[in-house]
C-alpha atoms as a PDB file:
ATOM      1  CA  MET A   1      68.699  12.830 162.785  1.00  0.00           C
ATOM      2  CA  ILE A   2      67.929  11.445 166.244  1.00  0.00           C
ATOM      3  CA  GLU A   3      69.875  13.080 169.056  1.00  0.00           C
ATOM      4  CA  PHE A   4      70.147  12.186 172.726  1.00  0.00           C
ATOM      5  CA  LYS A   5      71.515  15.166 174.641  1.00  0.00           C
ATOM      6  CA  GLN A   6      72.591  14.607 178.233  1.00  0.00           C
ATOM      7  CA  VAL A   7      69.677  12.210 178.736  1.00  0.00           C
ATOM      8  CA  SER A   8      69.187  10.642 182.157  1.00  0.00           C
ATOM      9  CA  LYS A   9      66.349   8.579 183.611  1.00  0.00           C
ATOM     10  CA  VAL A  10      65.690   7.933 187.287  1.00  0.00           C
ATOM     11  CA  PHE A  11      63.130   5.406 188.512  1.00  0.00           C
ATOM     12  CA  GLN A  12      61.874   4.992 192.037  1.00  0.00           C
ATOM     13  CA  SER A  13      61.787   1.425 193.356  1.00  0.00           C
ATOM     14  CA  ASP A  14      61.197  -0.301 196.670  1.00  0.00           C
ATOM     15  CA  GLN A  15      64.962  -0.265 197.135  1.00  0.00           C
ATOM     16  CA  GLY A  16      65.165   3.461 196.415  1.00  0.00           C
ATOM     17  CA  GLN A  17      66.344   5.452 193.426  1.00  0.00           C
ATOM     18  CA  VAL A  18      67.506   3.626 190.284  1.00  0.00           C
ATOM     19  CA  ASN A  19      69.564   5.476 187.675  1.00  0.00           C
ATOM     20  CA  ALA A  20      68.427   3.686 184.508  1.00  0.00           C
ATOM     21  CA  LEU A  21      70.284   6.039 182.137  1.00  0.00           C
ATOM     22  CA  LYS A  22      73.100   8.419 182.963  1.00  0.00           C
ATOM     23  CA  ASP A  23      73.975  11.450 180.859  1.00  0.00           C
ATOM     24  CA  VAL A  24      73.581   9.743 177.471  1.00  0.00           C
ATOM     25  CA  ASN A  25      74.855  11.656 174.436  1.00  0.00           C
ATOM     26  CA  VAL A  26      74.649  10.112 170.971  1.00  0.00           C
ATOM     27  CA  SER A  27      73.464  11.007 167.452  1.00  0.00           C
ATOM     28  CA  ILE A  28      71.862   8.588 164.991  1.00  0.00           C
ATOM     29  CA  HIS A  29      72.017   9.528 161.318  1.00  0.00           C
ATOM     30  CA  ASP A  30      69.102   9.572 158.893  1.00  0.00           C
ATOM     31  CA  HIS A  31      68.537   6.160 157.236  1.00  0.00           C
ATOM     32  CA  GLU A  32      71.103   4.523 159.509  1.00  0.00           C
ATOM     33  CA  VAL A  33      70.620   1.138 161.183  1.00  0.00           C
ATOM     34  CA  PHE A  34      71.872   1.741 164.705  1.00  0.00           C
ATOM     35  CA  GLY A  35      72.220  -0.883 167.420  1.00  0.00           C
ATOM     36  CA  LEU A  36      71.846  -0.619 171.180  1.00  0.00           C
ATOM     37  CA  VAL A  37      73.579  -3.537 172.830  1.00  0.00           C
ATOM     38  CA  GLY A  38      74.080  -4.428 176.457  1.00  0.00           C
ATOM     39  CA  GLU A  39      73.148  -6.841 179.187  1.00  0.00           C
ATOM     40  CA  SER A  40      69.680  -6.997 180.692  1.00  0.00           C
ATOM     41  CA  GLY A  41      68.996  -3.849 182.711  1.00  0.00           C
ATOM     42  CA  ALA A  42      71.620  -1.770 180.913  1.00  0.00           C
ATOM     43  CA  GLY A  43      69.001   0.773 179.757  1.00  0.00           C
ATOM     44  CA  LYS A  44      68.573  -0.256 176.110  1.00  0.00           C
ATOM     45  CA  SER A  45      64.781  -0.484 175.994  1.00  0.00           C
ATOM     46  CA  THR A  46      64.331   2.641 178.091  1.00  0.00           C
ATOM     47  CA  MET A  47      66.475   4.561 175.635  1.00  0.00           C
ATOM     48  CA  LEU A  48      64.501   3.177 172.704  1.00  0.00           C
ATOM     49  CA  ARG A  49      61.167   4.184 174.262  1.00  0.00           C
ATOM     50  CA  PHE A  50      62.325   7.790 174.531  1.00  0.00           C
ATOM     51  CA  VAL A  51      62.259   8.069 170.731  1.00  0.00           C
ATOM     52  CA  ASN A  52      58.469   7.696 170.524  1.00  0.00           C
ATOM     53  CA  ALA A  53      57.834   9.255 173.958  1.00  0.00           C
ATOM     54  CA  LEU A  54      56.565   6.069 175.588  1.00  0.00           C
ATOM     55  CA  GLU A  55      59.010   7.082 178.316  1.00  0.00           C
ATOM     56  CA  HIS A  56      60.282  10.550 179.173  1.00  0.00           C
ATOM     57  CA  PRO A  57      63.763  11.387 180.420  1.00  0.00           C
ATOM     58  CA  THR A  58      64.190  12.791 183.905  1.00  0.00           C
ATOM     59  CA  SER A  59      66.643  15.269 182.419  1.00  0.00           C
ATOM     60  CA  GLY A  60      68.090  16.048 179.017  1.00  0.00           C
ATOM     61  CA  ASP A  61      66.413  16.053 175.601  1.00  0.00           C
ATOM     62  CA  VAL A  62      65.601  13.639 172.794  1.00  0.00           C
ATOM     63  CA  ILE A  63      65.502  15.527 169.499  1.00  0.00           C
ATOM     64  CA  VAL A  64      64.253  14.081 166.209  1.00  0.00           C
ATOM     65  CA  ASP A  65      64.670  16.219 163.081  1.00  0.00           C
ATOM     66  CA  GLY A  66      64.883  19.308 165.263  1.00  0.00           C
ATOM     67  CA  ILE A  67      61.781  18.434 167.307  1.00  0.00           C
ATOM     68  CA  LYS A  68      62.168  18.020 171.056  1.00  0.00           C
ATOM     69  CA  VAL A  69      60.183  14.806 171.458  1.00  0.00           C
ATOM     70  CA  ASN A  70      59.989  14.858 175.251  1.00  0.00           C
ATOM     71  CA  ALA A  71      58.214  18.243 175.089  1.00  0.00           C
ATOM     72  CA  LEU A  72      55.445  17.084 172.729  1.00  0.00           C
ATOM     73  CA  GLU A  73      51.866  16.721 173.945  1.00  0.00           C
ATOM     74  CA  GLY A  74      48.397  16.025 172.580  1.00  0.00           C
ATOM     75  CA  LYS A  75      47.913  16.367 168.836  1.00  0.00           C
ATOM     76  CA  ASP A  76      51.569  17.217 168.208  1.00  0.00           C
ATOM     77  CA  LEU A  77      52.675  14.019 169.929  1.00  0.00           C
ATOM     78  CA  ARG A  78      50.095  11.911 168.061  1.00  0.00           C
ATOM     79  CA  ASN A  79      51.214  13.351 164.732  1.00  0.00           C
ATOM     80  CA  PHE A  80      54.861  12.697 165.577  1.00  0.00           C
ATOM     81  CA  ARG A  81      54.171   9.086 166.515  1.00  0.00           C
ATOM     82  CA  LYS A  82      52.579   8.503 163.120  1.00  0.00           C
ATOM     83  CA  ASN A  83      56.120   8.565 161.717  1.00  0.00           C
ATOM     84  CA  VAL A  84      57.448   5.918 164.108  1.00  0.00           C
ATOM     85  CA  GLY A  85      56.852   2.170 163.749  1.00  0.00           C
ATOM     86  CA  MET A  86      57.708  -0.412 166.401  1.00  0.00           C
ATOM     87  CA  VAL A  87      58.518  -4.130 166.362  1.00  0.00           C
ATOM     88  CA  PHE A  88      58.188  -5.906 169.723  1.00  0.00           C
ATOM     89  CA  GLN A  89      59.893  -8.889 171.309  1.00  0.00           C
ATOM     90  CA  GLN A  90      56.640 -10.757 171.999  1.00  0.00           C
ATOM     91  CA  PHE A  91      54.916  -9.729 168.731  1.00  0.00           C
ATOM     92  CA  ASN A  92      51.920  -7.985 170.443  1.00  0.00           C
ATOM     93  CA  LEU A  93      49.334  -9.451 168.083  1.00  0.00           C
ATOM     94  CA  LEU A  94      45.614  -9.640 168.855  1.00  0.00           C
ATOM     95  CA  ASN A  95      44.668 -13.309 168.879  1.00  0.00           C
ATOM     96  CA  ASN A  96      41.023 -12.672 167.960  1.00  0.00           C
ATOM     97  CA  LYS A  97      41.962 -10.857 164.759  1.00  0.00           C
ATOM     98  CA  THR A  98      43.262 -12.290 161.506  1.00  0.00           C
ATOM     99  CA  VAL A  99      46.711 -11.564 160.149  1.00  0.00           C
ATOM    100  CA  ALA A 100      45.234  -8.955 157.792  1.00  0.00           C
ATOM    101  CA  GLU A 101      43.280  -7.316 160.615  1.00  0.00           C
ATOM    102  CA  ASN A 102      46.358  -7.167 162.844  1.00  0.00           C
ATOM    103  CA  VAL A 103      48.412  -5.580 160.086  1.00  0.00           C
ATOM    104  CA  ALA A 104      45.695  -3.011 159.343  1.00  0.00           C
ATOM    105  CA  LEU A 105      45.293  -1.919 162.978  1.00  0.00           C
ATOM    106  CA  PRO A 106      47.411   1.268 162.714  1.00  0.00           C
ATOM    107  CA  LEU A 107      45.265   2.467 159.815  1.00  0.00           C
ATOM    108  CA  SER A 108      42.179   2.322 162.043  1.00  0.00           C
ATOM    109  CA  LEU A 109      43.786   4.690 164.549  1.00  0.00           C
ATOM    110  CA  HIS A 110      44.987   7.494 162.274  1.00  0.00           C
ATOM    111  CA  ASN A 111      44.794   8.743 158.700  1.00  0.00           C
ATOM    112  CA  TYR A 112      48.012   8.206 156.741  1.00  0.00           C
ATOM    113  CA  GLU A 113      48.618   9.966 153.450  1.00  0.00           C
ATOM    114  CA  SER A 114      51.111   7.466 152.023  1.00  0.00           C
ATOM    115  CA  ALA A 115      50.190   4.214 153.768  1.00  0.00           C
ATOM    116  CA  LEU A 116      50.856   0.912 152.073  1.00  0.00           C
ATOM    117  CA  THR A 117      48.127  -1.687 151.627  1.00  0.00           C
ATOM    118  CA  VAL A 118      47.743  -4.862 153.656  1.00  0.00           C
ATOM    119  CA  ASP A 119      48.443  -6.930 150.549  1.00  0.00           C
ATOM    120  CA  GLU A 120      51.619  -4.967 149.791  1.00  0.00           C
ATOM    121  CA  VAL A 121      53.187  -5.427 153.213  1.00  0.00           C
ATOM    122  CA  LEU A 122      52.130  -9.059 153.592  1.00  0.00           C
ATOM    123  CA  ASP A 123      53.672  -9.829 150.213  1.00  0.00           C
ATOM    124  CA  PHE A 124      56.817  -7.956 151.283  1.00  0.00           C
ATOM    125  CA  VAL A 125      57.261 -10.085 154.425  1.00  0.00           C
ATOM    126  CA  GLY A 126      56.357 -13.308 152.605  1.00  0.00           C
ATOM    127  CA  LEU A 127      52.980 -13.942 154.229  1.00  0.00           C
ATOM    128  CA  ALA A 128      50.526 -13.269 151.420  1.00  0.00           C
ATOM    129  CA  ASP A 129      49.094 -16.774 151.874  1.00  0.00           C
ATOM    130  CA  LYS A 130      48.486 -16.240 155.628  1.00  0.00           C
ATOM    131  CA  LYS A 131      46.199 -13.233 155.259  1.00  0.00           C
ATOM    132  CA  HIS A 132      43.077 -14.886 156.684  1.00  0.00           C
ATOM    133  CA  GLN A 133      44.761 -16.996 159.353  1.00  0.00           C
ATOM    134  CA  TYR A 134      44.948 -16.176 163.074  1.00  0.00           C
ATOM    135  CA  PRO A 135      48.084 -15.748 165.206  1.00  0.00           C
ATOM    136  CA  SER A 136      47.520 -19.118 166.894  1.00  0.00           C
ATOM    137  CA  GLN A 137      48.024 -20.765 163.491  1.00  0.00           C
ATOM    138  CA  LEU A 138      51.441 -19.154 162.947  1.00  0.00           C
ATOM    139  CA  SER A 139      54.987 -19.991 163.993  1.00  0.00           C
ATOM    140  CA  GLY A 140      57.023 -17.527 166.053  1.00  0.00           C
ATOM    141  CA  GLY A 141      58.870 -16.298 162.991  1.00  0.00           C
ATOM    142  CA  GLN A 142      55.618 -15.785 161.095  1.00  0.00           C
ATOM    143  CA  LYS A 143      54.163 -13.830 164.003  1.00  0.00           C
ATOM    144  CA  GLN A 144      57.171 -11.534 163.970  1.00  0.00           C
ATOM    145  CA  ARG A 145      56.775 -11.034 160.225  1.00  0.00           C
ATOM    146  CA  VAL A 146      53.197  -9.933 160.903  1.00  0.00           C
ATOM    147  CA  GLY A 147      54.569  -7.508 163.485  1.00  0.00           C
ATOM    148  CA  ILE A 148      57.014  -6.109 160.946  1.00  0.00           C
ATOM    149  CA  ALA A 149      54.275  -5.779 158.327  1.00  0.00           C
ATOM    150  CA  ARG A 150      52.111  -3.905 160.839  1.00  0.00           C
ATOM    151  CA  ALA A 151      55.008  -1.537 161.607  1.00  0.00           C
ATOM    152  CA  LEU A 152      55.702  -0.905 157.918  1.00  0.00           C
ATOM    153  CA  ILE A 153      52.156  -0.336 156.670  1.00  0.00           C
ATOM    154  CA  THR A 154      52.220   3.329 157.725  1.00  0.00           C
ATOM    155  CA  ARG A 155      55.534   3.924 155.896  1.00  0.00           C
ATOM    156  CA  PRO A 156      57.269   5.255 159.024  1.00  0.00           C
ATOM    157  CA  LYS A 157      60.411   7.348 158.901  1.00  0.00           C
ATOM    158  CA  ILE A 158      61.750   5.590 162.003  1.00  0.00           C
ATOM    159  CA  LEU A 159      61.496   1.896 162.862  1.00  0.00           C
ATOM    160  CA  LEU A 160      62.204   0.809 166.433  1.00  0.00           C
ATOM    161  CA  ALA A 161      62.925  -2.882 167.007  1.00  0.00           C
ATOM    162  CA  ASP A 162      62.977  -3.995 170.652  1.00  0.00           C
ATOM    163  CA  GLU A 163      64.619  -7.447 170.919  1.00  0.00           C
ATOM    164  CA  PRO A 164      62.971  -8.508 167.634  1.00  0.00           C
ATOM    165  CA  THR A 165      64.629 -11.948 167.545  1.00  0.00           C
ATOM    166  CA  SER A 166      65.133 -12.929 171.184  1.00  0.00           C
ATOM    167  CA  ALA A 167      62.011 -15.161 171.212  1.00  0.00           C
ATOM    168  CA  LEU A 168      63.180 -17.024 168.094  1.00  0.00           C
ATOM    169  CA  ASP A 169      65.591 -19.838 167.307  1.00  0.00           C
ATOM    170  CA  THR A 170      68.782 -19.328 165.331  1.00  0.00           C
ATOM    171  CA  SER A 171      67.476 -20.187 161.853  1.00  0.00           C
ATOM    172  CA  THR A 172      64.339 -18.080 162.309  1.00  0.00           C
ATOM    173  CA  THR A 173      66.469 -15.203 163.599  1.00  0.00           C
ATOM    174  CA  LYS A 174      68.272 -15.123 160.256  1.00  0.00           C
ATOM    175  CA  GLU A 175      64.937 -14.917 158.416  1.00  0.00           C
ATOM    176  CA  ILE A 176      63.797 -11.954 160.530  1.00  0.00           C
ATOM    177  CA  VAL A 177      67.154 -10.212 160.120  1.00  0.00           C
ATOM    178  CA  ASP A 178      66.798 -10.602 156.343  1.00  0.00           C
ATOM    179  CA  VAL A 179      63.286  -9.104 156.436  1.00  0.00           C
ATOM    180  CA  LEU A 180      64.469  -6.139 158.510  1.00  0.00           C
ATOM    181  CA  LYS A 181      67.415  -5.565 156.165  1.00  0.00           C
ATOM    182  CA  ALA A 182      65.082  -5.665 153.171  1.00  0.00           C
ATOM    183  CA  ALA A 183      62.725  -3.201 154.887  1.00  0.00           C
ATOM    184  CA  HIS A 184      65.575  -0.792 155.521  1.00  0.00           C
ATOM    185  CA  GLU A 185      66.689  -0.959 151.900  1.00  0.00           C
ATOM    186  CA  ALA A 186      63.195  -0.743 150.405  1.00  0.00           C
ATOM    187  CA  TYR A 187      61.761   2.014 152.608  1.00  0.00           C
ATOM    188  CA  GLN A 188      64.910   3.866 153.714  1.00  0.00           C
ATOM    189  CA  VAL A 189      63.823   4.016 157.332  1.00  0.00           C
ATOM    190  CA  THR A 190      66.072   5.043 160.168  1.00  0.00           C
ATOM    191  CA  MET A 191      66.194   1.907 162.297  1.00  0.00           C
ATOM    192  CA  ILE A 192      67.193   1.435 165.925  1.00  0.00           C
ATOM    193  CA  VAL A 193      67.667  -2.162 167.039  1.00  0.00           C
ATOM    194  CA  VAL A 194      67.819  -3.141 170.705  1.00  0.00           C
ATOM    195  CA  THR A 195      69.271  -6.591 171.295  1.00  0.00           C
ATOM    196  CA  HIS A 196      71.726  -8.553 173.381  1.00  0.00           C
ATOM    197  CA  GLU A 197      72.431 -10.828 170.373  1.00  0.00           C
ATOM    198  CA  LEU A 198      75.735  -9.789 168.859  1.00  0.00           C
ATOM    199  CA  ASP A 199      75.143 -11.748 165.634  1.00  0.00           C
ATOM    200  CA  VAL A 200      72.033  -9.659 164.988  1.00  0.00           C
ATOM    201  CA  ILE A 201      73.941  -6.416 165.566  1.00  0.00           C
ATOM    202  CA  LYS A 202      76.718  -7.544 163.215  1.00  0.00           C
ATOM    203  CA  ALA A 203      74.296  -8.593 160.473  1.00  0.00           C
ATOM    204  CA  LEU A 204      72.018  -5.544 160.642  1.00  0.00           C
ATOM    205  CA  CYS A 205      73.739  -2.468 162.016  1.00  0.00           C
ATOM    206  CA  GLU A 206      76.191   0.094 160.721  1.00  0.00           C
ATOM    207  CA  ARG A 207      77.064   1.376 164.197  1.00  0.00           C
ATOM    208  CA  ALA A 208      76.181   0.362 167.723  1.00  0.00           C
ATOM    209  CA  ALA A 209      76.303   1.882 171.186  1.00  0.00           C
ATOM    210  CA  ILE A 210      77.430  -0.325 174.055  1.00  0.00           C
ATOM    211  CA  LEU A 211      75.448   0.345 177.232  1.00  0.00           C
ATOM    212  CA  GLU A 212      76.657  -0.667 180.678  1.00  0.00           C
ATOM    213  CA  ASP A 213      74.796   0.298 183.851  1.00  0.00           C
ATOM    214  CA  GLY A 214      72.842   3.018 182.051  1.00  0.00           C
ATOM    215  CA  ALA A 215      75.816   4.693 180.382  1.00  0.00           C
ATOM    216  CA  ILE A 216      77.175   4.494 176.846  1.00  0.00           C
ATOM    217  CA  THR A 217      80.728   3.273 177.144  1.00  0.00           C
ATOM    218  CA  GLN A 218      81.460   3.165 173.385  1.00  0.00           C
ATOM    219  CA  VAL A 219      79.941   3.790 169.977  1.00  0.00           C
ATOM    220  CA  ILE A 220      81.534   1.442 167.471  1.00  0.00           C
ATOM    221  CA  ASP A 221      81.497   1.001 163.712  1.00  0.00           C
ATOM    222  CA  ILE A 222      80.317  -2.473 162.729  1.00  0.00           C
ATOM    223  CA  ALA A 223      82.428  -4.469 160.313  1.00  0.00           C
ATOM    224  CA  ALA A 224      80.370  -5.971 157.489  1.00  0.00           C
ATOM    225  CA  PRO A 225      79.893  -9.742 157.822  1.00  0.00           C
ATOM    226  CA  GLU A 226      82.028 -11.852 155.525  1.00  0.00           C
ATOM    227  CA  ALA A 227      80.196 -13.074 152.445  1.00  0.00           C
ATOM    228  CA  GLY A 228      78.529 -16.401 153.075  1.00  0.00           C
ATOM    229  CA  ASN A 229      79.084 -16.195 156.848  1.00  0.00           C
ATOM    230  CA  GLU A 230      76.164 -14.009 157.917  1.00  0.00           C
ATOM    231  CA  LEU A 231      74.132 -15.957 160.470  1.00  0.00           C
ATOM    232  CA  HIS A 232      74.521 -19.105 158.337  1.00  0.00           C
ATOM    233  CA  GLN A 233      76.213 -21.231 160.996  1.00  0.00           C
ATOM    234  CA  THR A 234      74.473 -24.266 162.327  1.00  0.00           C
ATOM    235  CA  TYR A 235      73.366 -23.960 165.927  1.00  0.00           C
ATOM    236  CA  ALA A 236      76.177 -26.263 167.054  1.00  0.00           C
ATOM    237  CA  GLU A 237      78.787 -24.232 165.169  1.00  0.00           C
ATOM    238  CA  HIS A 238      77.516 -20.997 166.709  1.00  0.00           C
ATOM    239  CA  VAL A 239      77.562 -22.451 170.224  1.00  0.00           C
ATOM    240  CA  MET A 240      81.104 -23.783 169.719  1.00  0.00           C
ATOM    241  CA  GLU A 241      82.298 -20.400 168.446  1.00  0.00           C
ATOM    242  CA  VAL A 242      80.719 -18.347 171.226  1.00  0.00           C
ATOM    243  CA  LEU A 243      81.587 -20.739 174.055  1.00  0.00           C
ATOM    244  CA  GLY A 244      85.028 -21.526 172.739  1.00  0.00           C
ATOM    245  CA  GLY A 245      84.662 -25.287 172.980  1.00  0.00           C
ATOM    246  CA  HIS A 246      86.336 -28.015 170.960  1.00  0.00           C
ATOM    247  CA  GLU A 247      84.909 -31.070 169.266  1.00  0.00           C
END
């Protein structure tokens, strides 16, 4: 279980003190897909980065399986992070390395007892034929699949996805959502998804927290998408539905 207990974060800026998160309390269940949704600047990414201690709260605690993450240092922190994978908005691939080399990068940093192979994860994300290509030869959706493969190769217990589809078009977004859903089912990871795209939350998540101005205003249960209507709209249909226009 991942628990946020009275978590707050204060940043200093040129304009003074900024309260990025305010007294956040929420629990995320094991193997759950949990969404963090809100407008830009609401605190979603900051909250996500607390889970792998890329950021530390000003006050409060982030607890994962009974471990106070914000108190970890050195070897203990490195060992904890081995159980956390991350998928980024802008893919974060190294352009001078092949797809296979990018995917294998985590294995060069640590020893993993139950790591998957490069071939296994590339086959899982549908890129077995791109193994020897470079990022510049890939589409945006393919680059994100490489990012997902890289996150999965260590068999993490927790997968953090920070705006994983915001750089993609509507049809490619559906492909990435399908890959993330398959990863959750195959590897039983606990997944936290940060996004402002409500369709992605609806298609992926079981629950979601709504953040406004650094505070959680609601935690809601997500209704399952209707069969045959899960991100399958044309772009025009989606725009018409969201904007409320008429033909």
